[in-house]
Protein backbone atom coordinates (compact mmCIF):
# COMPACT_ATOMS: atom_id res chain seq x y z
CA UNK A 1 13.63 -23.17 -99.61
CA UNK A 2 17.16 -21.79 -99.43
CA UNK A 3 18.59 -19.92 -102.40
CA UNK A 4 21.95 -21.09 -103.74
CA UNK A 5 24.92 -19.22 -102.22
CA UNK A 6 26.05 -17.84 -105.58
CA UNK A 7 22.61 -16.36 -106.34
CA UNK A 8 22.39 -14.79 -102.87
CA UNK A 9 25.83 -13.24 -103.25
CA UNK A 10 24.92 -11.87 -106.67
CA UNK A 11 21.75 -10.23 -105.28
CA UNK A 12 23.67 -8.65 -102.39
CA UNK A 13 26.37 -7.36 -104.74
CA UNK A 14 23.79 -5.90 -107.13
CA UNK A 15 22.03 -4.14 -104.24
CA UNK A 16 25.31 -2.64 -103.05
CA UNK A 17 26.14 -1.42 -106.53
CA UNK A 18 22.71 0.20 -106.92
CA UNK A 19 23.02 1.95 -103.57
CA UNK A 20 26.52 3.26 -104.30
CA UNK A 21 25.38 4.50 -107.72
CA UNK A 22 22.41 6.29 -106.17
CA UNK A 23 24.68 7.90 -103.55
CA UNK A 24 27.05 9.05 -106.26
CA UNK A 25 24.22 10.61 -108.26
CA UNK A 26 22.84 12.40 -105.19
CA UNK A 27 26.31 13.58 -104.18
CA UNK A 28 27.11 14.91 -107.65
CA UNK A 29 23.79 16.79 -107.78
CA UNK A 30 24.53 18.73 -104.58
CA UNK A 31 26.24 22.12 -104.98
CA UNK A 32 29.85 21.77 -103.90
CA UNK A 33 31.52 24.10 -101.43
CA UNK A 34 34.24 26.01 -103.35
CA UNK A 35 37.87 25.59 -102.24
CA UNK A 36 39.18 28.93 -103.49
CA UNK A 37 38.04 32.47 -104.12
CA UNK A 38 36.50 33.06 -107.53
CA UNK A 39 38.52 34.09 -110.58
CA UNK A 40 37.47 36.80 -113.02
CA UNK A 41 37.48 35.34 -116.52
CA UNK A 42 35.95 36.26 -119.87
CA UNK A 43 32.92 34.20 -118.82
CA UNK A 44 32.57 34.97 -115.12
CA UNK A 45 33.17 38.71 -115.52
CA UNK A 46 29.78 39.19 -117.18
CA UNK A 47 28.08 37.02 -114.54
CA UNK A 48 29.58 39.05 -111.68
CA UNK A 49 28.81 42.33 -113.45
CA UNK A 50 25.17 41.27 -113.87
CA UNK A 51 24.95 40.31 -110.17
CA UNK A 52 26.17 43.78 -109.29
CA UNK A 53 23.82 45.61 -111.65
CA UNK A 54 20.83 43.82 -110.11
CA UNK A 55 21.85 44.64 -106.52
CA UNK A 56 20.07 47.52 -104.75
CA UNK A 57 21.11 49.49 -101.68
CA UNK A 58 19.71 52.72 -100.26
CA UNK A 59 22.43 53.26 -97.67
CA UNK A 60 25.92 54.67 -97.90
CA UNK A 61 27.24 53.58 -101.30
CA UNK A 62 30.83 53.29 -100.02
CA UNK A 63 30.11 51.08 -97.02
CA UNK A 64 32.84 48.40 -96.97
CA UNK A 65 30.19 45.70 -96.50
CA UNK A 66 29.12 46.36 -100.11
CA UNK A 67 32.43 45.20 -101.59
CA UNK A 68 34.17 43.13 -98.91
CA UNK A 69 33.56 40.08 -96.77
CA UNK A 70 34.12 40.84 -93.09
CA UNK A 71 36.95 39.18 -91.21
CA UNK A 72 36.77 41.35 -88.11
CA UNK A 73 33.95 43.64 -87.06
CA UNK A 74 34.81 46.23 -84.42
CA UNK A 75 33.89 49.82 -83.62
CA UNK A 76 37.22 51.28 -84.75
CA UNK A 77 39.35 48.53 -86.29
CA UNK A 78 37.40 46.43 -88.76
CA UNK A 79 38.97 44.21 -91.43
CA UNK A 80 37.36 42.95 -94.63
CA UNK A 81 38.60 40.76 -97.47
CA UNK A 82 38.12 42.24 -100.94
CA UNK A 83 38.45 39.94 -103.96
CA UNK A 84 38.43 40.39 -107.74
CA UNK A 85 34.88 39.08 -107.86
CA UNK A 86 33.54 41.45 -105.20
CA UNK A 87 35.27 44.39 -106.89
CA UNK A 88 33.60 43.65 -110.25
CA UNK A 89 30.16 43.32 -108.68
CA UNK A 90 30.62 46.45 -106.60
CA UNK A 91 31.80 48.63 -109.48
CA UNK A 92 28.85 47.42 -111.58
CA UNK A 93 26.47 48.32 -108.76
CA UNK A 94 27.97 51.64 -107.66
CA UNK A 95 29.76 53.31 -110.57
CA UNK A 96 26.90 55.65 -111.54
CA UNK A 97 25.98 56.68 -107.99
CA UNK A 98 29.65 57.27 -107.14
CA UNK A 99 30.30 59.23 -110.35
CA UNK A 100 32.92 56.73 -111.56
CA UNK A 101 33.99 56.38 -115.18
CA UNK A 102 34.63 52.66 -115.70
CA UNK A 103 37.62 52.10 -118.00
CA UNK A 104 36.83 50.37 -121.30
CA UNK A 105 39.42 47.71 -120.43
CA UNK A 106 38.15 47.12 -116.88
CA UNK A 107 37.54 43.42 -117.59
CA UNK A 108 41.14 42.96 -118.75
CA UNK A 109 42.43 44.89 -115.72
CA UNK A 110 40.63 42.56 -113.34
CA UNK A 111 41.71 39.41 -115.20
CA UNK A 112 45.33 40.61 -115.11
CA UNK A 113 45.24 40.98 -111.31
CA UNK A 114 43.30 37.80 -110.47
CA UNK A 115 46.08 36.61 -108.19
CA UNK A 116 45.76 39.50 -105.76
CA UNK A 117 43.39 39.58 -102.79
CA UNK A 118 43.05 42.64 -100.58
CA UNK A 119 42.98 42.97 -96.80
CA UNK A 120 41.01 46.18 -96.24
CA UNK A 121 41.13 47.99 -92.89
CA UNK A 122 38.48 50.57 -92.01
CA UNK A 123 36.57 52.33 -89.25
CA UNK A 124 32.81 52.80 -89.12
CA UNK A 125 31.15 56.13 -88.28
CA UNK A 126 31.09 56.64 -84.52
CA UNK A 127 30.12 59.75 -82.59
CA UNK A 128 31.93 60.89 -79.46
CA UNK A 129 30.18 61.11 -76.11
CA UNK A 130 28.46 58.55 -73.91
CA UNK A 131 25.19 58.89 -75.82
CA UNK A 132 26.65 59.68 -79.25
CA UNK A 133 25.79 63.35 -78.94
CA UNK A 134 29.22 64.65 -79.93
CA UNK A 135 31.12 64.97 -83.18
CA UNK A 136 32.28 62.05 -85.31
CA UNK A 137 35.49 60.36 -84.22
CA UNK A 138 38.32 60.72 -86.74
CA UNK A 139 38.45 57.73 -89.11
CA UNK A 140 42.21 57.41 -89.20
CA UNK A 141 43.72 54.96 -91.71
CA UNK A 142 45.93 52.15 -90.44
CA UNK A 143 49.68 52.72 -90.71
CA UNK A 144 51.03 49.23 -91.43
CA UNK A 145 49.79 45.65 -91.81
CA UNK A 146 51.62 42.35 -92.26
CA UNK A 147 50.86 38.64 -92.27
CA UNK A 148 53.03 36.57 -89.94
CA UNK A 149 53.51 32.94 -91.00
CA UNK A 150 55.85 30.62 -89.05
CA UNK A 151 57.70 33.58 -87.57
CA UNK A 152 58.21 35.28 -90.96
CA UNK A 153 56.62 38.65 -91.72
CA UNK A 154 55.02 38.82 -95.18
CA UNK A 155 54.60 42.42 -96.28
CA UNK A 156 51.81 43.51 -98.62
CA UNK A 157 51.97 44.79 -102.16
CA UNK A 158 50.30 47.99 -103.35
CA UNK A 159 46.81 47.71 -104.83
CA UNK A 160 47.15 48.32 -108.60
CA UNK A 161 46.51 52.06 -109.11
CA UNK A 162 44.00 51.48 -111.92
CA UNK A 163 41.85 49.49 -109.43
CA UNK A 164 42.47 51.73 -106.42
CA UNK A 165 41.26 54.76 -108.40
CA UNK A 166 37.82 53.10 -108.65
CA UNK A 167 37.54 52.01 -105.01
CA UNK A 168 36.23 53.98 -102.00
CA UNK A 169 38.60 55.75 -99.61
CA UNK A 170 36.05 56.89 -97.05
CA UNK A 171 35.82 55.13 -93.65
CA UNK A 172 39.62 55.44 -93.35
CA UNK A 173 39.96 52.58 -95.86
CA UNK A 174 43.38 51.16 -96.67
CA UNK A 175 43.88 48.24 -99.09
CA UNK A 176 46.76 45.80 -98.53
CA UNK A 177 47.35 43.44 -101.48
CA UNK A 178 48.60 39.88 -100.99
CA UNK A 179 49.02 37.01 -103.45
CA UNK A 180 46.15 34.55 -103.32
CA UNK A 181 48.54 31.78 -102.21
CA UNK A 182 49.47 33.78 -99.09
CA UNK A 183 45.85 34.34 -98.05
CA UNK A 184 45.00 30.65 -98.56
CA UNK A 185 48.08 29.31 -96.72
CA UNK A 186 46.60 29.07 -93.23
CA UNK A 187 47.10 29.25 -90.32
CA UNK A 188 48.72 32.64 -89.87
CA UNK A 189 48.33 35.88 -87.93
CA UNK A 190 47.44 39.32 -89.28
CA UNK A 191 49.20 42.14 -87.40
CA UNK A 192 48.59 45.84 -87.92
CA UNK A 193 49.16 49.28 -86.45
CA UNK A 194 46.06 51.47 -86.25
CA UNK A 195 45.86 55.18 -86.95
CA UNK A 196 45.78 55.70 -83.20
CA UNK A 197 49.02 53.76 -82.69
CA UNK A 198 47.44 50.61 -81.26
CA UNK A 199 49.14 47.35 -82.26
CA UNK A 200 46.58 44.62 -82.92
CA UNK A 201 46.58 41.06 -84.23
CA UNK A 202 44.11 38.45 -85.41
CA UNK A 203 44.64 34.72 -85.89
CA UNK A 204 43.37 33.26 -89.16
CA UNK A 205 42.57 29.50 -89.08
CA UNK A 206 41.48 27.47 -92.11
CA UNK A 207 37.87 27.51 -90.91
CA UNK A 208 37.75 31.30 -91.22
CA UNK A 209 39.07 31.24 -94.79
CA UNK A 210 36.55 28.52 -95.69
CA UNK A 211 33.78 30.74 -94.34
CA UNK A 212 35.00 33.73 -96.34
CA UNK A 213 35.21 31.65 -99.53
CA UNK A 214 31.62 30.52 -99.01
CA UNK A 215 30.53 34.07 -98.19
CA UNK A 216 32.10 35.35 -101.43
CA UNK A 217 30.27 32.59 -103.32
CA UNK A 218 26.99 34.16 -102.14
CA UNK A 219 28.07 37.74 -102.91
CA UNK A 220 25.02 39.87 -103.79
CA UNK A 221 22.82 36.80 -103.09
CA UNK A 222 23.91 34.82 -106.15
CA UNK A 223 24.27 31.00 -106.29
CA UNK A 224 21.59 30.46 -103.66
CA UNK A 225 21.67 26.68 -103.98
CA UNK A 226 24.77 26.25 -101.81
CA UNK A 227 24.27 25.59 -98.12
CA UNK A 228 25.74 28.44 -96.10
CA UNK A 229 28.67 27.86 -93.73
CA UNK A 230 28.39 29.98 -90.54
CA UNK A 231 30.89 32.86 -90.60
CA UNK A 232 32.96 33.13 -87.45
CA UNK A 233 33.78 36.81 -86.94
CA UNK A 234 36.51 38.08 -84.67
CA UNK A 235 35.91 41.02 -82.40
CA UNK A 236 37.75 43.07 -79.87
């Protein structure tokens, strides 16, 4: 016995509505990939500080991997991205070991400078000689760094001194501050002059920024529910 056309259509429509509703519920329950680097606010500051306090590391307390997300890993010319969130977590984790006095208004300092992200250049420890038997190579700081976008050179700002005073300066570290909008406005090329006079460059596509945003979201192993995006690292 055939069902009337109107009843059949109603059943099909109801099924479609149920399926779409179920898909919407499942989709909304999945952690969403963030589209921007995190902001430090009156609420998130305490969350990031707690993440940092709970983090443990027995290695060098000023290793750039503890407060930055790597863009480029190389033996002498590495680049990391340092954000307000990673700074808060790192200071919470390292201030006692590094003999730092955290200012009473540190939260307000970080909120004030939310718009700045930092391109950090550095050089890891490396001994001279074929088998690493010699002395440590000088960890010379870079001399200059710019972002080139559509043929225009965008020059960095200075890291706010009240933040720079709390950050490491070992490993030849130099911090170049750029507005958040510049870092997010891909594609572009980072160009810099090393302490040895080499002129280097690195292309930054949107996929690399997306990976760094996701990597920051997992800083100090927080927010574990989000599926990781593979990080594409540049190398020499």
